[in-house]
Protein backbone atom coordinates (compact mmCIF):
# COMPACT_ATOMS: atom_id res chain seq x y z
CA MET A 1 157.68 -71.27 105.83
CA GLN A 2 154.36 -70.71 104.21
CA ARG A 3 152.80 -67.75 102.50
CA ALA A 4 149.25 -66.98 103.58
CA GLY A 5 148.73 -63.96 101.41
CA GLY A 6 150.47 -61.22 99.46
CA GLY A 7 153.53 -59.29 100.62
CA GLY A 8 155.61 -60.03 103.70
CA GLU A 9 152.53 -59.95 105.91
CA GLY A 10 151.47 -63.38 104.68
CA LEU A 11 154.83 -65.04 105.26
CA ARG A 12 154.65 -67.27 108.34
CA LEU A 13 156.70 -70.01 110.02
CA SER A 14 155.03 -73.17 111.23
CA GLU A 15 154.76 -73.31 115.01
CA ALA A 16 156.51 -76.70 114.95
CA ALA A 17 159.49 -75.14 113.14
CA PHE A 18 159.48 -72.23 115.61
CA GLN A 19 159.57 -74.65 118.55
CA ILE A 20 162.42 -76.65 116.99
CA ARG A 21 164.44 -73.47 116.33
CA SER A 22 163.99 -72.22 119.90
CA ARG A 23 164.20 -75.62 121.63
CA ASP A 24 167.81 -75.38 122.87
CA ALA A 25 167.48 -71.84 124.23
CA THR A 26 164.16 -72.69 125.88
CA ARG A 27 165.62 -75.81 127.50
CA ILE A 28 168.58 -73.85 128.93
CA LEU A 29 166.41 -71.00 130.22
CA ASP A 30 163.80 -73.36 131.66
CA ALA A 31 166.56 -75.10 133.64
CA ILE A 32 166.98 -71.93 135.71
CA PRO A 33 165.14 -72.54 138.99
CA ASP A 34 162.10 -70.40 139.73
CA ALA A 35 162.81 -67.39 141.92
CA PRO A 36 160.72 -64.45 143.17
CA ASN A 37 162.28 -62.00 140.70
CA LEU A 38 162.47 -64.37 137.74
CA HIS A 39 159.99 -63.66 134.98
CA ARG A 40 159.75 -66.06 132.07
CA ILE A 41 158.96 -64.43 128.75
CA ARG A 42 157.42 -66.71 126.11
CA PRO A 43 157.58 -64.99 122.70
CA ALA A 44 155.38 -67.69 121.14
CA GLU A 45 152.47 -66.31 123.19
CA LEU A 46 152.32 -63.34 120.80
CA LEU A 47 154.14 -64.63 117.74
CA CYS A 48 152.26 -67.90 117.25
CA ASN A 49 148.59 -68.67 116.74
CA LYS A 50 146.74 -71.63 115.22
CA GLY A 51 149.87 -73.55 114.25
CA SER A 52 151.89 -70.78 112.60
CA CYS A 53 154.08 -67.90 113.75
CA LEU A 54 154.43 -64.37 112.48
CA ILE A 55 157.51 -63.24 110.61
CA TYR A 56 156.06 -59.89 109.49
CA LYS A 57 153.53 -57.58 111.12
CA ALA A 58 152.19 -54.35 109.59
CA ASP A 59 154.60 -54.84 106.65
CA LYS A 60 157.62 -54.81 109.00
CA SER A 61 159.95 -57.73 109.49
CA LEU A 62 159.91 -58.98 113.07
CA TYR A 63 163.37 -60.52 112.61
CA ALA A 64 166.78 -58.94 111.90
CA ASP A 65 168.17 -62.35 110.84
CA ASP A 66 167.25 -66.02 111.18
CA ASP A 67 167.00 -65.95 114.97
CA HIS A 68 167.13 -62.41 116.35
CA LEU A 69 164.31 -59.91 116.62
CA SER A 70 164.38 -56.64 114.74
CA LYS A 71 163.41 -53.40 116.45
CA ALA A 72 159.87 -53.93 115.12
CA GLY A 73 159.90 -57.46 116.58
CA ALA A 74 161.04 -56.23 119.97
CA GLU A 75 158.34 -53.56 119.96
CA PHE A 76 155.73 -56.15 118.97
CA LEU A 77 156.71 -58.33 121.96
CA SER A 78 156.91 -55.42 124.41
CA PRO A 79 153.49 -56.21 125.97
CA LEU A 80 155.04 -59.41 127.35
CA PHE A 81 157.38 -57.25 129.43
CA ALA A 82 154.70 -54.98 130.92
CA PRO A 83 154.03 -57.26 133.93
CA VAL A 84 157.76 -57.45 134.63
CA PHE A 85 158.16 -53.70 134.81
CA ALA A 86 154.89 -53.24 136.70
CA THR A 87 156.29 -55.30 139.60
CA GLN A 88 159.46 -53.17 139.70
CA ARG A 89 157.66 -50.05 140.90
């Protein structure tokens, strides 16, 4: 982890560390064959940028523990789900 500024907002995880932490889950989920109703959600698309990944946003922790999103984290990633729900109408 690295601190890029004051408060929790500046606390970030390297993208390499993020990829290592999520490697096993990603490998298992990516092994599921593509299907018409399968939508792959990639949290790194919103969490990571320029080699580091957010841990805090707007002074709210995005994680409830080492691996699981908090409510704020789930809300932050909600735009990734918009296309999924748009196709369900």
